Amino acid sequence: MPQLDPAPWFAILIFSWSILLTMLPPKVLAHEFPNDPTTQSTEKPKTEAWNWPWH
């Protein structure tokens, strides 16, 4: 049964993955986000206690 012979299919698999791995990472790494995130201030916001009567 020729379907069980791994020789041509393994070569095709390795060849296709090598092409995929040489073309995709540069395209993905070249992507830039339109909005760069801004850094937030390190000051903690002042919180006040709630003086509600809980009865």
C-alpha atoms as a PDB file:
ATOM      1  CA  MET A   1       0.000   0.000   0.000  1.00  0.00           C
ATOM      2  CA  PRO A   2       1.727   3.219  -1.117  1.00  0.00           C
ATOM      3  CA  GLN A   3      -0.168   5.385   1.404  1.00  0.00           C
ATOM      4  CA  LEU A   4       1.839   3.894   4.252  1.00  0.00           C
ATOM      5  CA  ASP A   5       5.226   4.755   2.746  1.00  0.00           C
ATOM      6  CA  PRO A   6       6.383   7.776   4.833  1.00  0.00           C
ATOM      7  CA  ALA A   7       9.276   8.760   2.576  1.00  0.00           C
ATOM      8  CA  PRO A   8       7.583  11.247   0.196  1.00  0.00           C
ATOM      9  CA  TRP A   9       5.088  12.564   2.736  1.00  0.00           C
ATOM     10  CA  PHE A  10       7.701  13.217   5.386  1.00  0.00           C
ATOM     11  CA  ALA A  11       9.824  15.164   2.899  1.00  0.00           C
ATOM     12  CA  ILE A  12       6.796  17.227   1.852  1.00  0.00           C
ATOM     13  CA  LEU A  13       5.942  17.879   5.502  1.00  0.00           C
ATOM     14  CA  ILE A  14       9.451  19.048   6.355  1.00  0.00           C
ATOM     15  CA  PHE A  15       9.667  21.189   3.208  1.00  0.00           C
ATOM     16  CA  SER A  16       6.309  22.874   3.798  1.00  0.00           C
ATOM     17  CA  TRP A  17       7.087  23.567   7.486  1.00  0.00           C
ATOM     18  CA  SER A  18      10.473  25.009   6.604  1.00  0.00           C
ATOM     19  CA  ILE A  19       8.848  27.403   4.142  1.00  0.00           C
ATOM     20  CA  LEU A  20       6.167  28.298   6.672  1.00  0.00           C
ATOM     21  CA  LEU A  21       8.678  28.962   9.436  1.00  0.00           C
ATOM     22  CA  THR A  22      10.910  31.117   7.248  1.00  0.00           C
ATOM     23  CA  MET A  23       8.103  33.314   5.902  1.00  0.00           C
ATOM     24  CA  LEU A  24       5.716  33.840   8.808  1.00  0.00           C
ATOM     25  CA  PRO A  25       7.860  35.020  11.764  1.00  0.00           C
ATOM     26  CA  PRO A  26       9.253  38.105   9.978  1.00  0.00           C
ATOM     27  CA  LYS A  27       5.734  39.090   8.929  1.00  0.00           C
ATOM     28  CA  VAL A  28       4.392  38.662  12.457  1.00  0.00           C
ATOM     29  CA  LEU A  29       7.312  40.456  14.097  1.00  0.00           C
ATOM     30  CA  ALA A  30       7.073  43.364  11.654  1.00  0.00           C
ATOM     31  CA  HIS A  31       3.540  44.109  12.838  1.00  0.00           C
ATOM     32  CA  GLU A  32       3.203  47.346  14.791  1.00  0.00           C
ATOM     33  CA  PHE A  33       0.308  48.336  16.946  1.00  0.00           C
ATOM     34  CA  PRO A  34      -1.417  51.599  15.967  1.00  0.00           C
ATOM     35  CA  ASN A  35      -1.662  52.801  19.575  1.00  0.00           C
ATOM     36  CA  ASP A  36       1.312  52.371  21.858  1.00  0.00           C
ATOM     37  CA  PRO A  37       0.233  51.949  25.468  1.00  0.00           C
ATOM     38  CA  THR A  38       1.110  54.866  27.700  1.00  0.00           C
ATOM     39  CA  THR A  39       2.683  54.348  31.065  1.00  0.00           C
ATOM     40  CA  GLN A  40       0.499  55.101  34.023  1.00  0.00           C
ATOM     41  CA  SER A  41       1.643  57.160  36.958  1.00  0.00           C
ATOM     42  CA  THR A  42       3.003  55.345  39.981  1.00  0.00           C
ATOM     43  CA  GLU A  43       1.035  57.467  42.441  1.00  0.00           C
ATOM     44  CA  LYS A  44      -1.674  55.602  44.269  1.00  0.00           C
ATOM     45  CA  PRO A  45      -5.099  57.253  44.167  1.00  0.00           C
ATOM     46  CA  LYS A  46      -6.215  58.632  47.508  1.00  0.00           C
ATOM     47  CA  THR A  47      -9.120  56.650  48.871  1.00  0.00           C
ATOM     48  CA  GLU A  48     -11.336  57.816  51.661  1.00  0.00           C
ATOM     49  CA  ALA A  49     -13.287  55.635  54.069  1.00  0.00           C
ATOM     50  CA  TRP A  50     -17.041  55.546  53.715  1.00  0.00           C
ATOM     51  CA  ASN A  51     -18.782  56.930  56.742  1.00  0.00           C
ATOM     52  CA  TRP A  52     -22.118  55.253  56.181  1.00  0.00           C
ATOM     53  CA  PRO A  53     -24.245  54.073  59.064  1.00  0.00           C
ATOM     54  CA  TRP A  54     -24.630  50.305  58.697  1.00  0.00           C
ATOM     55  CA  HIS A  55     -27.562  49.623  60.990  1.00  0.00           C
END
